[in-house]
């Protein structure tokens, strides 16, 4: 088992574990790599945690609105109470013309 890495709110520090992954040993750099790889089996579970646990502005540092919209059907079931918020935000972006 690897030693725990310090948790941080500094999401620009690639070597730290982001505050919303307090229960996981995934660094900012690892999260970025996983989210960038559509074939990674951890991608959707971690995207769900990101959208459920991170502040929305912090989540958008890791994933674009276009990606959220494209993965919505796979991600939505794991969002819990945050699902309604993200659905509203996606619908608002579409109404404003930011998303197709």
N, C-alpha and C. Protein backbone atom coordinates (compact mmCIF):
# COMPACT_ATOMS: atom_id res chain seq x y z
N UNK A 1 0.85 -1.18 0.00
CA UNK A 1 0.00 0.00 0.00
C UNK A 1 0.89 1.24 0.00
N UNK A 2 0.60 2.16 -0.87
CA UNK A 2 1.41 3.36 -0.96
C UNK A 2 1.03 4.34 0.16
N UNK A 3 1.99 5.18 0.49
CA UNK A 3 1.76 6.18 1.53
C UNK A 3 0.75 7.21 1.05
N UNK A 4 -0.10 7.71 1.94
CA UNK A 4 -1.07 8.73 1.53
C UNK A 4 -0.38 10.01 1.07
N UNK A 5 -0.99 10.66 0.12
CA UNK A 5 -0.49 11.92 -0.41
C UNK A 5 -1.33 13.03 0.21
N UNK A 6 -0.73 14.17 0.46
CA UNK A 6 -1.43 15.27 1.10
C UNK A 6 -2.61 15.74 0.26
N UNK A 7 -3.72 15.97 0.93
CA UNK A 7 -4.93 16.50 0.29
C UNK A 7 -4.81 18.01 0.23
N UNK A 8 -5.31 18.59 -0.87
CA UNK A 8 -5.15 20.02 -1.05
C UNK A 8 -6.34 20.64 -1.78
N UNK A 9 -6.54 21.91 -1.52
CA UNK A 9 -7.51 22.68 -2.30
C UNK A 9 -6.83 23.37 -3.48
N UNK A 10 -5.50 23.26 -3.54
CA UNK A 10 -4.74 23.83 -4.66
C UNK A 10 -4.79 22.84 -5.82
N UNK A 11 -5.71 23.07 -6.74
CA UNK A 11 -5.92 22.13 -7.84
C UNK A 11 -4.93 22.33 -8.98
N UNK A 12 -3.99 23.22 -8.80
CA UNK A 12 -2.93 23.41 -9.79
C UNK A 12 -1.67 22.63 -9.39
N UNK A 13 -1.66 22.10 -8.17
CA UNK A 13 -0.54 21.29 -7.70
C UNK A 13 -0.78 19.85 -8.14
N UNK A 14 -0.14 19.46 -9.22
CA UNK A 14 -0.37 18.16 -9.85
C UNK A 14 -0.04 16.98 -8.96
N UNK A 15 0.78 17.18 -7.93
CA UNK A 15 1.22 16.08 -7.07
C UNK A 15 0.31 15.86 -5.86
N UNK A 16 -0.68 16.70 -5.68
CA UNK A 16 -1.57 16.60 -4.52
C UNK A 16 -2.87 15.87 -4.86
N UNK A 17 -3.51 15.36 -3.83
CA UNK A 17 -4.83 14.76 -3.96
C UNK A 17 -5.85 15.89 -3.80
N UNK A 18 -6.77 16.05 -4.76
CA UNK A 18 -7.76 17.12 -4.63
C UNK A 18 -8.71 16.87 -3.46
N UNK A 19 -9.16 17.95 -2.85
CA UNK A 19 -10.01 17.86 -1.66
C UNK A 19 -11.23 16.98 -1.85
N UNK A 20 -11.76 16.89 -3.06
CA UNK A 20 -12.97 16.11 -3.28
C UNK A 20 -12.67 14.62 -3.43
N UNK A 21 -11.39 14.25 -3.43
CA UNK A 21 -10.99 12.84 -3.42
C UNK A 21 -10.33 12.49 -2.09
N UNK A 22 -10.83 13.06 -1.02
CA UNK A 22 -10.26 12.86 0.31
C UNK A 22 -10.17 11.37 0.67
N UNK A 23 -11.02 10.55 0.07
CA UNK A 23 -11.04 9.12 0.40
C UNK A 23 -10.32 8.26 -0.64
N UNK A 24 -9.61 8.90 -1.56
CA UNK A 24 -8.89 8.18 -2.61
C UNK A 24 -7.47 8.72 -2.71
N UNK A 25 -6.59 7.92 -3.24
CA UNK A 25 -5.20 8.34 -3.39
C UNK A 25 -4.92 8.63 -4.87
N UNK A 26 -5.71 9.56 -5.44
CA UNK A 26 -5.60 9.95 -6.85
C UNK A 26 -5.15 11.40 -6.89
N UNK A 27 -4.00 11.64 -7.49
CA UNK A 27 -3.49 13.01 -7.57
C UNK A 27 -4.18 13.79 -8.68
N UNK A 28 -3.98 15.08 -8.68
CA UNK A 28 -4.50 15.95 -9.73
C UNK A 28 -4.00 15.47 -11.09
N UNK A 29 -2.72 15.16 -11.19
CA UNK A 29 -2.15 14.70 -12.46
C UNK A 29 -2.78 13.39 -12.91
N UNK A 30 -2.95 12.46 -11.99
CA UNK A 30 -3.57 11.18 -12.33
C UNK A 30 -5.02 11.37 -12.77
N UNK A 31 -5.74 12.24 -12.08
CA UNK A 31 -7.12 12.50 -12.45
C UNK A 31 -7.21 13.07 -13.86
N UNK A 32 -6.37 14.03 -14.17
CA UNK A 32 -6.36 14.61 -15.52
C UNK A 32 -6.10 13.54 -16.58
N UNK A 33 -5.14 12.66 -16.31
CA UNK A 33 -4.80 11.59 -17.27
C UNK A 33 -5.97 10.62 -17.44
N UNK A 34 -6.61 10.24 -16.36
CA UNK A 34 -7.74 9.31 -16.43
C UNK A 34 -8.90 9.93 -17.19
N UNK A 35 -9.22 11.17 -16.88
CA UNK A 35 -10.35 11.84 -17.55
C UNK A 35 -10.08 12.07 -19.04
N UNK A 36 -8.82 12.17 -19.42
CA UNK A 36 -8.47 12.40 -20.83
C UNK A 36 -8.48 11.13 -21.66
N UNK A 37 -8.61 9.97 -21.00
CA UNK A 37 -8.54 8.68 -21.69
C UNK A 37 -9.91 8.00 -21.69
N UNK A 38 -10.67 8.12 -22.78
CA UNK A 38 -12.01 7.52 -22.83
C UNK A 38 -12.02 6.01 -22.64
N UNK A 39 -10.90 5.34 -22.86
CA UNK A 39 -10.86 3.90 -22.69
C UNK A 39 -10.54 3.45 -21.26
N UNK A 40 -10.20 4.41 -20.40
CA UNK A 40 -9.86 4.06 -19.02
C UNK A 40 -11.12 3.67 -18.25
N UNK A 41 -11.16 2.48 -17.66
CA UNK A 41 -12.36 2.04 -16.94
C UNK A 41 -12.67 2.88 -15.69
N UNK A 42 -11.71 3.62 -15.20
CA UNK A 42 -11.93 4.47 -14.03
C UNK A 42 -12.54 5.82 -14.40
N UNK A 43 -12.59 6.14 -15.67
CA UNK A 43 -13.00 7.47 -16.12
C UNK A 43 -14.40 7.85 -15.65
N UNK A 44 -15.40 7.06 -15.93
CA UNK A 44 -16.78 7.40 -15.57
C UNK A 44 -16.97 7.42 -14.05
N UNK A 45 -16.48 6.42 -13.31
CA UNK A 45 -16.62 6.51 -11.85
C UNK A 45 -15.97 7.76 -11.25
N UNK A 46 -14.79 8.13 -11.75
CA UNK A 46 -14.12 9.33 -11.21
C UNK A 46 -14.81 10.60 -11.67
N UNK A 47 -15.35 10.59 -12.88
CA UNK A 47 -16.11 11.75 -13.36
C UNK A 47 -17.35 11.94 -12.50
N UNK A 48 -17.99 10.87 -12.11
CA UNK A 48 -19.15 10.96 -11.22
C UNK A 48 -18.77 11.58 -9.89
N UNK A 49 -17.66 11.11 -9.31
CA UNK A 49 -17.22 11.68 -8.02
C UNK A 49 -16.89 13.15 -8.19
N UNK A 50 -16.19 13.49 -9.25
CA UNK A 50 -15.84 14.89 -9.50
C UNK A 50 -17.08 15.77 -9.54
N UNK A 51 -18.08 15.37 -10.33
CA UNK A 51 -19.27 16.20 -10.47
C UNK A 51 -20.14 16.19 -9.21
N UNK A 52 -20.06 15.15 -8.44
CA UNK A 52 -20.86 15.04 -7.23
C UNK A 52 -20.23 15.76 -6.04
N UNK A 53 -18.90 15.74 -5.94
CA UNK A 53 -18.22 16.20 -4.73
C UNK A 53 -17.48 17.53 -4.86
N UNK A 54 -17.03 17.87 -6.06
CA UNK A 54 -16.26 19.11 -6.22
C UNK A 54 -17.20 20.29 -6.41
N UNK A 55 -16.72 21.47 -6.07
CA UNK A 55 -17.47 22.68 -6.41
C UNK A 55 -17.54 22.75 -7.93
N UNK A 56 -18.66 23.23 -8.49
CA UNK A 56 -18.79 23.25 -9.95
C UNK A 56 -17.65 23.95 -10.67
N UNK A 57 -17.20 25.09 -10.16
CA UNK A 57 -16.10 25.78 -10.84
C UNK A 57 -14.82 24.97 -10.79
N UNK A 58 -14.62 24.19 -9.73
CA UNK A 58 -13.45 23.32 -9.66
C UNK A 58 -13.60 22.14 -10.61
N UNK A 59 -14.79 21.58 -10.71
CA UNK A 59 -15.02 20.46 -11.63
C UNK A 59 -14.69 20.88 -13.05
N UNK A 60 -15.02 22.11 -13.40
CA UNK A 60 -14.80 22.59 -14.77
C UNK A 60 -13.32 22.86 -15.06
N UNK A 61 -12.47 22.78 -14.06
CA UNK A 61 -11.02 22.84 -14.31
C UNK A 61 -10.53 21.51 -14.89
N UNK A 62 -11.31 20.45 -14.71
CA UNK A 62 -10.90 19.12 -15.13
C UNK A 62 -11.64 18.60 -16.35
N UNK A 63 -12.85 19.08 -16.57
CA UNK A 63 -13.68 18.53 -17.64
C UNK A 63 -14.52 19.66 -18.24
N UNK A 64 -14.70 19.60 -19.55
CA UNK A 64 -15.44 20.65 -20.24
C UNK A 64 -16.94 20.39 -20.20
N UNK A 65 -17.74 21.43 -20.38
CA UNK A 65 -19.19 21.24 -20.49
C UNK A 65 -19.55 20.27 -21.63
N UNK A 66 -18.80 20.33 -22.72
CA UNK A 66 -19.06 19.43 -23.84
C UNK A 66 -18.86 17.97 -23.44
N UNK A 67 -17.84 17.70 -22.66
CA UNK A 67 -17.59 16.34 -22.19
C UNK A 67 -18.69 15.89 -21.24
N UNK A 68 -19.11 16.76 -20.34
CA UNK A 68 -20.18 16.41 -19.42
C UNK A 68 -21.44 16.07 -20.20
N UNK A 69 -21.77 16.89 -21.18
CA UNK A 69 -22.97 16.66 -22.00
C UNK A 69 -22.85 15.34 -22.77
N UNK A 70 -21.69 15.07 -23.32
CA UNK A 70 -21.50 13.85 -24.10
C UNK A 70 -21.59 12.59 -23.24
N UNK A 71 -21.18 12.68 -22.00
CA UNK A 71 -21.17 11.52 -21.10
C UNK A 71 -22.38 11.48 -20.18
N UNK A 72 -23.32 12.41 -20.35
CA UNK A 72 -24.42 12.59 -19.42
C UNK A 72 -25.15 11.28 -19.08
N UNK A 73 -25.51 10.50 -20.07
CA UNK A 73 -26.28 9.28 -19.82
C UNK A 73 -25.52 8.29 -18.95
N UNK A 74 -24.22 8.25 -19.07
CA UNK A 74 -23.40 7.34 -18.27
C UNK A 74 -23.09 7.90 -16.88
N UNK A 75 -23.01 9.22 -16.80
CA UNK A 75 -22.60 9.87 -15.55
C UNK A 75 -23.79 10.14 -14.62
N UNK A 76 -24.91 10.55 -15.17
CA UNK A 76 -26.06 11.01 -14.39
C UNK A 76 -26.52 10.05 -13.29
N UNK A 77 -26.57 8.73 -13.54
CA UNK A 77 -27.06 7.84 -12.48
C UNK A 77 -26.24 7.87 -11.19
N UNK A 78 -25.00 8.29 -11.25
CA UNK A 78 -24.15 8.31 -10.07
C UNK A 78 -23.98 9.67 -9.42
N UNK A 79 -24.81 10.64 -9.79
CA UNK A 79 -24.62 12.00 -9.28
C UNK A 79 -25.41 12.32 -8.02
N UNK A 80 -26.33 11.47 -7.64
CA UNK A 80 -27.10 11.72 -6.43
C UNK A 80 -27.82 13.06 -6.47
N UNK A 81 -27.74 13.80 -5.36
CA UNK A 81 -28.45 15.08 -5.25
C UNK A 81 -27.93 16.13 -6.22
N UNK A 82 -26.75 15.93 -6.76
CA UNK A 82 -26.16 16.91 -7.68
C UNK A 82 -26.69 16.75 -9.11
N UNK A 83 -27.38 15.66 -9.40
CA UNK A 83 -27.88 15.42 -10.75
C UNK A 83 -28.77 16.57 -11.24
N UNK A 84 -29.69 17.03 -10.40
CA UNK A 84 -30.60 18.11 -10.81
C UNK A 84 -29.83 19.39 -11.11
N UNK A 85 -28.82 19.67 -10.31
CA UNK A 85 -28.02 20.87 -10.57
C UNK A 85 -27.32 20.77 -11.92
N UNK A 86 -26.62 19.67 -12.20
CA UNK A 86 -25.88 19.54 -13.44
C UNK A 86 -26.83 19.50 -14.65
N UNK A 87 -27.99 18.89 -14.48
CA UNK A 87 -28.98 18.88 -15.58
C UNK A 87 -29.42 20.32 -15.87
N UNK A 88 -29.70 21.10 -14.81
CA UNK A 88 -30.09 22.50 -14.99
C UNK A 88 -28.98 23.28 -15.68
N UNK A 89 -27.74 23.06 -15.26
CA UNK A 89 -26.61 23.79 -15.85
C UNK A 89 -26.44 23.44 -17.33
N UNK A 90 -26.52 22.16 -17.65
CA UNK A 90 -26.41 21.76 -19.06
C UNK A 90 -27.55 22.35 -19.88
N UNK A 91 -28.77 22.30 -19.36
CA UNK A 91 -29.91 22.89 -20.07
C UNK A 91 -29.73 24.39 -20.25
N UNK A 92 -29.20 25.06 -19.26
CA UNK A 92 -28.96 26.51 -19.35
C UNK A 92 -27.91 26.82 -20.40
N UNK A 93 -26.83 26.05 -20.43
CA UNK A 93 -25.79 26.24 -21.44
C UNK A 93 -26.36 26.03 -22.84
N UNK A 94 -27.22 25.03 -22.99
CA UNK A 94 -27.85 24.79 -24.29
C UNK A 94 -28.75 25.97 -24.68
N UNK A 95 -29.54 26.46 -23.74
CA UNK A 95 -30.45 27.58 -24.02
C UNK A 95 -29.68 28.83 -24.42
N UNK A 96 -28.49 28.98 -23.86
CA UNK A 96 -27.65 30.15 -24.18
C UNK A 96 -26.80 29.94 -25.43
N UNK A 97 -26.85 28.75 -25.99
CA UNK A 97 -26.10 28.46 -27.20
C UNK A 97 -24.67 28.01 -26.98
N UNK A 98 -24.30 27.72 -25.74
CA UNK A 98 -22.93 27.27 -25.46
C UNK A 98 -22.75 25.79 -25.78
N UNK A 99 -23.84 25.04 -25.79
CA UNK A 99 -23.82 23.62 -26.12
C UNK A 99 -24.84 23.34 -27.21
N UNK A 100 -24.57 22.39 -28.06
CA UNK A 100 -25.56 22.04 -29.09
C UNK A 100 -26.77 21.33 -28.48
